[in-house]
Amino acid sequence: LGIDCVAMEHPMNTIQRIWHPKTFAEANQKLIDQYGKDWDEMYPLDKFYQDMHLNLFNKGIVHAENLGGEISGAGNGRYFIAAFIQKGMELASCWGRFIAFR
């Protein structure tokens, strides 16, 4: 999965809910208004905290964040992705060059 933003996670399933309590309260109220349940009822942190990083990687589902440039021109569809990553040891993250082929 590739995305052109800072994180694949929903911000309210990260530490952002603590760092931005006003924004979390607004999002929580919107969820209550629309679905009758609050954030923790629908997305409990013990299951959904950083879901993309902690739960999907273990299943072999990987993602690349901050893919900018020409990603918007690719359009919908399935692609083969070539990833040319900088060499390193025990990296939590690093830059890379990504190319999409149809």
PDB file of N, CA and C in Angstrom:
ATOM      1  N   LEU A   1       0.845  -1.166   0.000  1.00  0.00           N
ATOM      2  CA  LEU A   1       0.000   0.000   0.000  1.00  0.00           C
ATOM      3  C   LEU A   1       0.893   1.232   0.000  1.00  0.00           C
ATOM      4  N   GLY A   2       0.567   2.203  -0.798  1.00  0.00           N
ATOM      5  CA  GLY A   2       1.333   3.441  -0.840  1.00  0.00           C
ATOM      6  C   GLY A   2       0.434   4.639  -0.633  1.00  0.00           C
ATOM      7  N   ILE A   3       0.966   5.638   0.014  1.00  0.00           N
ATOM      8  CA  ILE A   3       0.156   6.813   0.326  1.00  0.00           C
ATOM      9  C   ILE A   3       1.034   8.057   0.335  1.00  0.00           C
ATOM     10  N   ASP A   4       0.464   9.184  -0.057  1.00  0.00           N
ATOM     11  CA  ASP A   4       1.202  10.446  -0.078  1.00  0.00           C
ATOM     12  C   ASP A   4       0.787  11.293   1.122  1.00  0.00           C
ATOM     13  N   CYS A   5       1.139  10.824   2.300  1.00  0.00           N
ATOM     14  CA  CYS A   5       0.917  11.588   3.533  1.00  0.00           C
ATOM     15  C   CYS A   5       1.875  11.059   4.593  1.00  0.00           C
ATOM     16  N   VAL A   6       1.852  11.675   5.750  1.00  0.00           N
ATOM     17  CA  VAL A   6       2.822  11.360   6.793  1.00  0.00           C
ATOM     18  C   VAL A   6       2.683   9.934   7.309  1.00  0.00           C
ATOM     19  N   ALA A   7       1.462   9.462   7.522  1.00  0.00           N
ATOM     20  CA  ALA A   7       1.287   8.130   8.104  1.00  0.00           C
ATOM     21  C   ALA A   7       0.040   7.465   7.546  1.00  0.00           C
ATOM     22  N   MET A   8       0.106   6.167   7.446  1.00  0.00           N
ATOM     23  CA  MET A   8      -1.021   5.373   6.978  1.00  0.00           C
ATOM     24  C   MET A   8      -2.094   5.257   8.063  1.00  0.00           C
ATOM     25  N   GLU A   9      -1.704   5.490   9.288  1.00  0.00           N
ATOM     26  CA  GLU A   9      -2.635   5.370  10.415  1.00  0.00           C
ATOM     27  C   GLU A   9      -3.647   6.514  10.426  1.00  0.00           C
ATOM     28  N   HIS A  10      -4.829   6.240  10.947  1.00  0.00           N
ATOM     29  CA  HIS A  10      -5.741   7.346  11.243  1.00  0.00           C
ATOM     30  C   HIS A  10      -5.168   8.068  12.460  1.00  0.00           C
ATOM     31  N   PRO A  11      -5.075   9.399  12.415  1.00  0.00           N
ATOM     32  CA  PRO A  11      -4.432  10.123  13.518  1.00  0.00           C
ATOM     33  C   PRO A  11      -5.023   9.836  14.897  1.00  0.00           C
ATOM     34  N   MET A  12      -6.299   9.503  14.960  1.00  0.00           N
ATOM     35  CA  MET A  12      -6.901   9.263  16.265  1.00  0.00           C
ATOM     36  C   MET A  12      -6.563   7.878  16.808  1.00  0.00           C
ATOM     37  N   ASN A  13      -5.883   7.059  16.005  1.00  0.00           N
ATOM     38  CA  ASN A  13      -5.398   5.760  16.486  1.00  0.00           C
ATOM     39  C   ASN A  13      -3.903   5.824  16.786  1.00  0.00           C
ATOM     40  N   THR A  14      -3.414   7.022  16.999  1.00  0.00           N
ATOM     41  CA  THR A  14      -1.999   7.233  17.326  1.00  0.00           C
ATOM     42  C   THR A  14      -1.907   8.132  18.553  1.00  0.00           C
ATOM     43  N   ILE A  15      -0.702   8.533  18.864  1.00  0.00           N
ATOM     44  CA  ILE A  15      -0.447   9.430  19.993  1.00  0.00           C
ATOM     45  C   ILE A  15      -1.073  10.818  19.777  1.00  0.00           C
ATOM     46  N   GLN A  16      -1.491  11.112  18.535  1.00  0.00           N
ATOM     47  CA  GLN A  16      -2.092  12.417  18.227  1.00  0.00           C
ATOM     48  C   GLN A  16      -3.332  12.682  19.075  1.00  0.00           C
ATOM     49  N   ARG A  17      -4.034  11.652  19.454  1.00  0.00           N
ATOM     50  CA  ARG A  17      -5.241  11.862  20.267  1.00  0.00           C
ATOM     51  C   ARG A  17      -4.882  12.460  21.622  1.00  0.00           C
ATOM     52  N   ILE A  18      -3.678  12.192  22.116  1.00  0.00           N
ATOM     53  CA  ILE A  18      -3.229  12.765  23.390  1.00  0.00           C
ATOM     54  C   ILE A  18      -2.625  14.147  23.163  1.00  0.00           C
ATOM     55  N   TRP A  19      -1.862  14.300  22.097  1.00  0.00           N
ATOM     56  CA  TRP A  19      -1.210  15.575  21.807  1.00  0.00           C
ATOM     57  C   TRP A  19      -2.196  16.656  21.383  1.00  0.00           C
ATOM     58  N   HIS A  20      -3.329  16.250  20.810  1.00  0.00           N
ATOM     59  CA  HIS A  20      -4.329  17.212  20.325  1.00  0.00           C
ATOM     60  C   HIS A  20      -5.706  16.853  20.884  1.00  0.00           C
ATOM     61  N   PRO A  21      -5.909  17.062  22.196  1.00  0.00           N
ATOM     62  CA  PRO A  21      -7.170  16.637  22.812  1.00  0.00           C
ATOM     63  C   PRO A  21      -8.398  17.352  22.243  1.00  0.00           C
ATOM     64  N   LYS A  22      -8.252  18.604  21.836  1.00  0.00           N
ATOM     65  CA  LYS A  22      -9.407  19.341  21.277  1.00  0.00           C
ATOM     66  C   LYS A  22      -9.846  18.693  19.962  1.00  0.00           C
ATOM     67  N   THR A  23      -8.899  18.381  19.109  1.00  0.00           N
ATOM     68  CA  THR A  23      -9.214  17.744  17.833  1.00  0.00           C
ATOM     69  C   THR A  23      -9.807  16.361  18.057  1.00  0.00           C
ATOM     70  N   PHE A  24      -9.256  15.625  19.032  1.00  0.00           N
ATOM     71  CA  PHE A  24      -9.802  14.303  19.342  1.00  0.00           C
ATOM     72  C   PHE A  24     -11.241  14.429  19.834  1.00  0.00           C
ATOM     73  N   ALA A  25     -11.516  15.413  20.679  1.00  0.00           N
ATOM     74  CA  ALA A  25     -12.878  15.606  21.190  1.00  0.00           C
ATOM     75  C   ALA A  25     -13.842  15.896  20.036  1.00  0.00           C
ATOM     76  N   GLU A  26     -13.401  16.700  19.071  1.00  0.00           N
ATOM     77  CA  GLU A  26     -14.249  17.007  17.907  1.00  0.00           C
ATOM     78  C   GLU A  26     -14.509  15.752  17.069  1.00  0.00           C
ATOM     79  N   ALA A  27     -13.459  14.971  16.821  1.00  0.00           N
ATOM     80  CA  ALA A  27     -13.617  13.733  16.045  1.00  0.00           C
ATOM     81  C   ALA A  27     -14.500  12.737  16.794  1.00  0.00           C
ATOM     82  N   ASN A  28     -14.305  12.656  18.088  1.00  0.00           N
ATOM     83  CA  ASN A  28     -15.096  11.746  18.911  1.00  0.00           C
ATOM     84  C   ASN A  28     -16.572  12.122  18.885  1.00  0.00           C
ATOM     85  N   GLN A  29     -16.861  13.418  18.995  1.00  0.00           N
ATOM     86  CA  GLN A  29     -18.249  13.878  18.959  1.00  0.00           C
ATOM     87  C   GLN A  29     -18.887  13.595  17.604  1.00  0.00           C
ATOM     88  N   LYS A  30     -18.122  13.785  16.547  1.00  0.00           N
ATOM     89  CA  LYS A  30     -18.641  13.508  15.203  1.00  0.00           C
ATOM     90  C   LYS A  30     -19.006  12.028  15.064  1.00  0.00           C
ATOM     91  N   LEU A  31     -18.179  11.153  15.609  1.00  0.00           N
ATOM     92  CA  LEU A  31     -18.451   9.718  15.567  1.00  0.00           C
ATOM     93  C   LEU A  31     -19.708   9.381  16.371  1.00  0.00           C
ATOM     94  N   ILE A  32     -19.852   9.989  17.546  1.00  0.00           N
ATOM     95  CA  ILE A  32     -21.037   9.764  18.380  1.00  0.00           C
ATOM     96  C   ILE A  32     -22.289  10.237  17.650  1.00  0.00           C
ATOM     97  N   ASP A  33     -22.203  11.423  17.038  1.00  0.00           N
ATOM     98  CA  ASP A  33     -23.354  11.966  16.311  1.00  0.00           C
ATOM     99  C   ASP A  33     -23.763  11.073  15.138  1.00  0.00           C
ATOM    100  N   GLN A  34     -22.773  10.537  14.424  1.00  0.00           N
ATOM    101  CA  GLN A  34     -23.076   9.746  13.227  1.00  0.00           C
ATOM    102  C   GLN A  34     -23.418   8.291  13.524  1.00  0.00           C
ATOM    103  N   TYR A  35     -22.758   7.691  14.553  1.00  0.00           N
ATOM    104  CA  TYR A  35     -22.896   6.258  14.764  1.00  0.00           C
ATOM    105  C   TYR A  35     -23.387   5.861  16.156  1.00  0.00           C
ATOM    106  N   GLY A  36     -23.502   6.834  17.055  1.00  0.00           N
ATOM    107  CA  GLY A  36     -23.999   6.530  18.390  1.00  0.00           C
ATOM    108  C   GLY A  36     -22.983   5.852  19.300  1.00  0.00           C
ATOM    109  N   LYS A  37     -21.721   5.800  18.872  1.00  0.00           N
ATOM    110  CA  LYS A  37     -20.661   5.202  19.682  1.00  0.00           C
ATOM    111  C   LYS A  37     -19.459   6.133  19.671  1.00  0.00           C
ATOM    112  N   ASP A  38     -18.686   6.100  20.763  1.00  0.00           N
ATOM    113  CA  ASP A  38     -17.492   6.936  20.783  1.00  0.00           C
ATOM    114  C   ASP A  38     -16.308   6.186  20.182  1.00  0.00           C
ATOM    115  N   TRP A  39     -15.193   6.913  20.062  1.00  0.00           N
ATOM    116  CA  TRP A  39     -14.020   6.361  19.376  1.00  0.00           C
ATOM    117  C   TRP A  39     -13.544   5.063  20.019  1.00  0.00           C
ATOM    118  N   ASP A  40     -13.477   5.037  21.341  1.00  0.00           N
ATOM    119  CA  ASP A  40     -12.955   3.854  22.023  1.00  0.00           C
ATOM    120  C   ASP A  40     -13.887   2.651  21.928  1.00  0.00           C
ATOM    121  N   GLU A  41     -15.177   2.877  21.714  1.00  0.00           N
ATOM    122  CA  GLU A  41     -16.095   1.762  21.502  1.00  0.00           C
ATOM    123  C   GLU A  41     -15.906   1.159  20.109  1.00  0.00           C
ATOM    124  N   MET A  42     -15.716   2.027  19.111  1.00  0.00           N
ATOM    125  CA  MET A  42     -15.576   1.553  17.733  1.00  0.00           C
ATOM    126  C   MET A  42     -14.159   1.100  17.404  1.00  0.00           C
ATOM    127  N   TYR A  43     -13.185   1.801  17.950  1.00  0.00           N
ATOM    128  CA  TYR A  43     -11.777   1.510  17.651  1.00  0.00           C
ATOM    129  C   TYR A  43     -10.962   1.478  18.938  1.00  0.00           C
ATOM    130  N   PRO A  44     -11.121   0.456  19.768  1.00  0.00           N
ATOM    131  CA  PRO A  44     -10.384   0.411  21.027  1.00  0.00           C
ATOM    132  C   PRO A  44      -8.870   0.389  20.778  1.00  0.00           C
ATOM    133  N   LEU A  45      -8.153   1.163  21.579  1.00  0.00           N
ATOM    134  CA  LEU A  45      -6.717   1.291  21.369  1.00  0.00           C
ATOM    135  C   LEU A  45      -5.966  -0.026  21.516  1.00  0.00           C
ATOM    136  N   ASP A  46      -6.455  -0.924  22.343  1.00  0.00           N
ATOM    137  CA  ASP A  46      -5.734  -2.198  22.498  1.00  0.00           C
ATOM    138  C   ASP A  46      -5.763  -3.033  21.214  1.00  0.00           C
ATOM    139  N   LYS A  47      -6.689  -2.753  20.301  1.00  0.00           N
ATOM    140  CA  LYS A  47      -6.743  -3.456  19.023  1.00  0.00           C
ATOM    141  C   LYS A  47      -6.270  -2.597  17.857  1.00  0.00           C
ATOM    142  N   PHE A  48      -6.521  -1.289  17.912  1.00  0.00           N
ATOM    143  CA  PHE A  48      -6.313  -0.446  16.749  1.00  0.00           C
ATOM    144  C   PHE A  48      -5.186   0.569  16.876  1.00  0.00           C
ATOM    145  N   TYR A  49      -4.456   0.595  17.990  1.00  0.00           N
ATOM    146  CA  TYR A  49      -3.352   1.546  18.109  1.00  0.00           C
ATOM    147  C   TYR A  49      -2.299   1.219  17.053  1.00  0.00           C
ATOM    148  N   GLN A  50      -2.023   2.160  16.205  1.00  0.00           N
ATOM    149  CA  GLN A  50      -1.084   2.008  15.087  1.00  0.00           C
ATOM    150  C   GLN A  50      -1.318   0.689  14.346  1.00  0.00           C
ATOM    151  N   ASP A  51      -2.559   0.482  13.991  1.00  0.00           N
ATOM    152  CA  ASP A  51      -3.007  -0.768  13.363  1.00  0.00           C
ATOM    153  C   ASP A  51      -2.173  -1.147  12.143  1.00  0.00           C
ATOM    154  N   MET A  52      -1.891  -0.187  11.280  1.00  0.00           N
ATOM    155  CA  MET A  52      -1.125  -0.474  10.066  1.00  0.00           C
ATOM    156  C   MET A  52       0.275  -0.983  10.387  1.00  0.00           C
ATOM    157  N   HIS A  53       0.892  -0.434  11.429  1.00  0.00           N
ATOM    158  CA  HIS A  53       2.260  -0.810  11.763  1.00  0.00           C
ATOM    159  C   HIS A  53       2.322  -2.079  12.621  1.00  0.00           C
ATOM    160  N   LEU A  54       1.455  -2.199  13.585  1.00  0.00           N
ATOM    161  CA  LEU A  54       1.572  -3.286  14.554  1.00  0.00           C
ATOM    162  C   LEU A  54       0.820  -4.555  14.160  1.00  0.00           C
ATOM    163  N   ASN A  55      -0.227  -4.428  13.359  1.00  0.00           N
ATOM    164  CA  ASN A  55      -1.029  -5.609  13.036  1.00  0.00           C
ATOM    165  C   ASN A  55      -0.873  -6.098  11.598  1.00  0.00           C
ATOM    166  N   LEU A  56      -0.731  -5.192  10.646  1.00  0.00           N
ATOM    167  CA  LEU A  56      -0.689  -5.627   9.251  1.00  0.00           C
ATOM    168  C   LEU A  56       0.687  -6.091   8.805  1.00  0.00           C
ATOM    169  N   PHE A  57       1.752  -5.502   9.325  1.00  0.00           N
ATOM    170  CA  PHE A  57       3.100  -5.952   8.943  1.00  0.00           C
ATOM    171  C   PHE A  57       3.285  -7.433   9.254  1.00  0.00           C
ATOM    172  N   ASN A  58       2.757  -7.880  10.380  1.00  0.00           N
ATOM    173  CA  ASN A  58       2.883  -9.290  10.768  1.00  0.00           C
ATOM    174  C   ASN A  58       2.204 -10.229   9.776  1.00  0.00           C
ATOM    175  N   LYS A  59       1.272  -9.691   8.998  1.00  0.00           N
ATOM    176  CA  LYS A  59       0.554 -10.494   8.005  1.00  0.00           C
ATOM    177  C   LYS A  59       1.148 -10.322   6.610  1.00  0.00           C
ATOM    178  N   GLY A  60       2.304  -9.662   6.531  1.00  0.00           N
ATOM    179  CA  GLY A  60       2.960  -9.469   5.245  1.00  0.00           C
ATOM    180  C   GLY A  60       2.396  -8.328   4.429  1.00  0.00           C
ATOM    181  N   ILE A  61       1.554  -7.492   5.025  1.00  0.00           N
ATOM    182  CA  ILE A  61       1.003  -6.333   4.334  1.00  0.00           C
ATOM    183  C   ILE A  61       1.860  -5.134   4.708  1.00  0.00           C
ATOM    184  N   VAL A  62       2.607  -4.639   3.753  1.00  0.00           N
ATOM    185  CA  VAL A  62       3.516  -3.528   4.017  1.00  0.00           C
ATOM    186  C   VAL A  62       2.980  -2.266   3.366  1.00  0.00           C
ATOM    187  N   HIS A  63       3.509  -1.143   3.779  1.00  0.00           N
ATOM    188  CA  HIS A  63       3.103   0.115   3.179  1.00  0.00           C
ATOM    189  C   HIS A  63       4.281   1.075   3.116  1.00  0.00           C
ATOM    190  N   ALA A  64       4.168   2.029   2.229  1.00  0.00           N
ATOM    191  CA  ALA A  64       5.167   3.084   2.095  1.00  0.00           C
ATOM    192  C   ALA A  64       4.460   4.413   2.284  1.00  0.00           C
ATOM    193  N   GLU A  65       5.000   5.229   3.161  1.00  0.00           N
ATOM    194  CA  GLU A  65       4.402   6.530   3.466  1.00  0.00           C
ATOM    195  C   GLU A  65       5.205   7.644   2.806  1.00  0.00           C
ATOM    196  N   ASN A  66       4.589   8.798   2.665  1.00  0.00           N
ATOM    197  CA  ASN A  66       5.215   9.985   2.086  1.00  0.00           C
ATOM    198  C   ASN A  66       5.626   9.781   0.635  1.00  0.00           C
ATOM    199  N   LEU A  67       4.873   8.987  -0.104  1.00  0.00           N
ATOM    200  CA  LEU A  67       5.146   8.836  -1.527  1.00  0.00           C
ATOM    201  C   LEU A  67       4.581  10.043  -2.251  1.00  0.00           C
ATOM    202  N   GLY A  68       5.436  10.937  -2.600  1.00  0.00           N
ATOM    203  CA  GLY A  68       4.996  12.155  -3.277  1.00  0.00           C
ATOM    204  C   GLY A  68       5.315  12.085  -4.754  1.00  0.00           C
ATOM    205  N   GLY A  69       5.536  13.221  -5.321  1.00  0.00           N
ATOM    206  CA  GLY A  69       5.911  13.271  -6.735  1.00  0.00           C
ATOM    207  C   GLY A  69       4.740  12.975  -7.638  1.00  0.00           C
ATOM    208  N   GLU A  70       4.873  11.963  -8.474  1.00  0.00           N
ATOM    209  CA  GLU A  70       3.892  11.698  -9.512  1.00  0.00           C
ATOM    210  C   GLU A  70       2.884  10.611  -9.152  1.00  0.00           C
ATOM    211  N   ILE A  71       2.738  10.296  -7.875  1.00  0.00           N
ATOM    212  CA  ILE A  71       1.812   9.219  -7.471  1.00  0.00           C
ATOM    213  C   ILE A  71       0.370   9.535  -7.891  1.00  0.00           C
ATOM    214  N   SER A  72       0.002  10.825  -7.857  1.00  0.00           N
ATOM    215  CA  SER A  72      -1.378  11.171  -8.214  1.00  0.00           C
ATOM    216  C   SER A  72      -1.660  10.929  -9.697  1.00  0.00           C
ATOM    217  N   GLY A  73      -0.635  10.908 -10.527  1.00  0.00           N
ATOM    218  CA  GLY A  73      -0.823  10.659 -11.942  1.00  0.00           C
ATOM    219  C   GLY A  73      -0.944   9.187 -12.303  1.00  0.00           C
ATOM    220  N   ALA A  74      -0.694   8.305 -11.336  1.00  0.00           N
ATOM    221  CA  ALA A  74      -0.735   6.869 -11.616  1.00  0.00           C
ATOM    222  C   ALA A  74      -2.154   6.377 -11.854  1.00  0.00           C
ATOM    223  N   GLY A  75      -3.136   6.962 -11.208  1.00  0.00           N
ATOM    224  CA  GLY A  75      -4.511   6.513 -11.382  1.00  0.00           C
ATOM    225  C   GLY A  75      -4.799   5.233 -10.618  1.00  0.00           C
ATOM    226  N   ASN A  76      -6.055   4.836 -10.616  1.00  0.00           N
ATOM    227  CA  ASN A  76      -6.448   3.617  -9.914  1.00  0.00           C
ATOM    228  C   ASN A  76      -5.986   2.395 -10.681  1.00  0.00           C
ATOM    229  N   GLY A  77      -5.785   1.317  -9.972  1.00  0.00           N
ATOM    230  CA  GLY A  77      -5.404   0.075 -10.610  1.00  0.00           C
ATOM    231  C   GLY A  77      -4.366  -0.679  -9.810  1.00  0.00           C
ATOM    232  N   ARG A  78      -3.983  -1.812 -10.320  1.00  0.00           N
ATOM    233  CA  ARG A  78      -2.948  -2.632  -9.673  1.00  0.00           C
ATOM    234  C   ARG A  78      -1.630  -2.376 -10.382  1.00  0.00           C
ATOM    235  N   TYR A  79      -0.585  -2.282  -9.566  1.00  0.00           N
ATOM    236  CA  TYR A  79       0.748  -1.992 -10.095  1.00  0.00           C
ATOM    237  C   TYR A  79       1.769  -2.927  -9.468  1.00  0.00           C
ATOM    238  N   PHE A  80       2.841  -3.172 -10.182  1.00  0.00           N
ATOM    239  CA  PHE A  80       4.032  -3.760  -9.603  1.00  0.00           C
ATOM    240  C   PHE A  80       4.877  -2.596  -9.132  1.00  0.00           C
ATOM    241  N   ILE A  81       5.383  -2.684  -7.921  1.00  0.00           N
ATOM    242  CA  ILE A  81       6.174  -1.598  -7.354  1.00  0.00           C
ATOM    243  C   ILE A  81       7.613  -2.063  -7.187  1.00  0.00           C
ATOM    244  N   ALA A  82       8.530  -1.288  -7.738  1.00  0.00           N
ATOM    245  CA  ALA A  82       9.954  -1.529  -7.522  1.00  0.00           C
ATOM    246  C   ALA A  82      10.418  -0.526  -6.472  1.00  0.00           C
ATOM    247  N   ALA A  83      11.051  -1.017  -5.440  1.00  0.00           N
ATOM    248  CA  ALA A  83      11.532  -0.154  -4.357  1.00  0.00           C
ATOM    249  C   ALA A  83      13.049  -0.264  -4.272  1.00  0.00           C
ATOM    250  N   PHE A  84      13.702   0.860  -4.452  1.00  0.00           N
ATOM    251  CA  PHE A  84      15.155   0.908  -4.362  1.00  0.00           C
ATOM    252  C   PHE A  84      15.492   1.633  -3.060  1.00  0.00           C
ATOM    253  N   ILE A  85      15.855   0.855  -2.057  1.00  0.00           N
ATOM    254  CA  ILE A  85      16.022   1.362  -0.695  1.00  0.00           C
ATOM    255  C   ILE A  85      17.507   1.520  -0.382  1.00  0.00           C
ATOM    256  N   GLN A  86      17.822   2.550   0.375  1.00  0.00           N
ATOM    257  CA  GLN A  86      19.190   2.768   0.846  1.00  0.00           C
ATOM    258  C   GLN A  86      19.624   1.602   1.725  1.00  0.00           C
ATOM    259  N   LYS A  87      20.856   1.155   1.573  1.00  0.00           N
ATOM    260  CA  LYS A  87      21.350   0.067   2.407  1.00  0.00           C
ATOM    261  C   LYS A  87      21.558   0.556   3.836  1.00  0.00           C
ATOM    262  N   GLY A  88      21.252  -0.303   4.791  1.00  0.00           N
ATOM    263  CA  GLY A  88      21.443   0.033   6.191  1.00  0.00           C
ATOM    264  C   GLY A  88      21.141  -1.168   7.054  1.00  0.00           C
ATOM    265  N   MET A  89      21.449  -1.056   8.321  1.00  0.00           N
ATOM    266  CA  MET A  89      21.184  -2.156   9.254  1.00  0.00           C
ATOM    267  C   MET A  89      20.216  -1.680  10.328  1.00  0.00           C
ATOM    268  N   GLU A  90      19.228  -2.511  10.630  1.00  0.00           N
ATOM    269  CA  GLU A  90      18.254  -2.243  11.685  1.00  0.00           C
ATOM    270  C   GLU A  90      17.594  -0.873  11.534  1.00  0.00           C
ATOM    271  N   LEU A  91      17.162  -0.556  10.319  1.00  0.00           N
ATOM    272  CA  LEU A  91      16.515   0.725  10.059  1.00  0.00           C
ATOM    273  C   LEU A  91      15.046   0.674  10.447  1.00  0.00           C
ATOM    274  N   ALA A  92      14.581   1.689  11.132  1.00  0.00           N
ATOM    275  CA  ALA A  92      13.145   1.819  11.397  1.00  0.00           C
ATOM    276  C   ALA A  92      12.474   2.489  10.206  1.00  0.00           C
ATOM    277  N   SER A  93      13.226   3.308   9.488  1.00  0.00           N
ATOM    278  CA  SER A  93      12.732   3.959   8.286  1.00  0.00           C
ATOM    279  C   SER A  93      13.929   4.444   7.481  1.00  0.00           C
ATOM    280  N   CYS A  94      13.705   4.683   6.216  1.00  0.00           N
ATOM    281  CA  CYS A  94      14.753   5.275   5.392  1.00  0.00           C
ATOM    282  C   CYS A  94      14.138   5.728   4.077  1.00  0.00           C
ATOM    283  N   TRP A  95      14.893   6.506   3.333  1.00  0.00           N
ATOM    284  CA  TRP A  95      14.405   6.993   2.051  1.00  0.00           C
ATOM    285  C   TRP A  95      14.575   5.903   1.005  1.00  0.00           C
ATOM    286  N   GLY A  96      13.838   6.046  -0.057  1.00  0.00           N
ATOM    287  CA  GLY A  96      13.951   5.101  -1.154  1.00  0.00           C
ATOM    288  C   GLY A  96      13.353   5.688  -2.418  1.00  0.00           C
ATOM    289  N   ARG A  97      13.659   5.069  -3.524  1.00  0.00           N
ATOM    290  CA  ARG A  97      13.093   5.462  -4.808  1.00  0.00           C
ATOM    291  C   ARG A  97      12.089   4.389  -5.190  1.00  0.00           C
ATOM    292  N   PHE A  98      10.859   4.780  -5.503  1.00  0.00           N
ATOM    293  CA  PHE A  98       9.796   3.833  -5.821  1.00  0.00           C
ATOM    294  C   PHE A  98       9.314   4.068  -7.256  1.00  0.00           C
ATOM    295  N   ILE A  99       9.146   2.980  -7.988  1.00  0.00           N
ATOM    296  CA  ILE A  99       8.682   3.071  -9.371  1.00  0.00           C
ATOM    297  C   ILE A  99       7.506   2.111  -9.531  1.00  0.00           C
ATOM    298  N   ALA A 100       6.431   2.584 -10.171  1.00  0.00           N
ATOM    299  CA  ALA A 100       5.234   1.766 -10.385  1.00  0.00           C
ATOM    300  C   ALA A 100       5.160   1.323 -11.844  1.00  0.00           C
ATOM    301  N   PHE A 101       4.907   0.024 -12.042  1.00  0.00           N
ATOM    302  CA  PHE A 101       4.735  -0.541 -13.372  1.00  0.00           C
ATOM    303  C   PHE A 101       3.353  -1.174 -13.448  1.00  0.00           C
ATOM    304  N   ARG A 102       2.646  -0.953 -14.549  1.00  0.00           N
ATOM    305  CA  ARG A 102       1.345  -1.607 -14.761  1.00  0.00           C
ATOM    306  C   ARG A 102       1.525  -3.001 -15.242  1.00  0.00           C
TER     307      ARG A 102
END
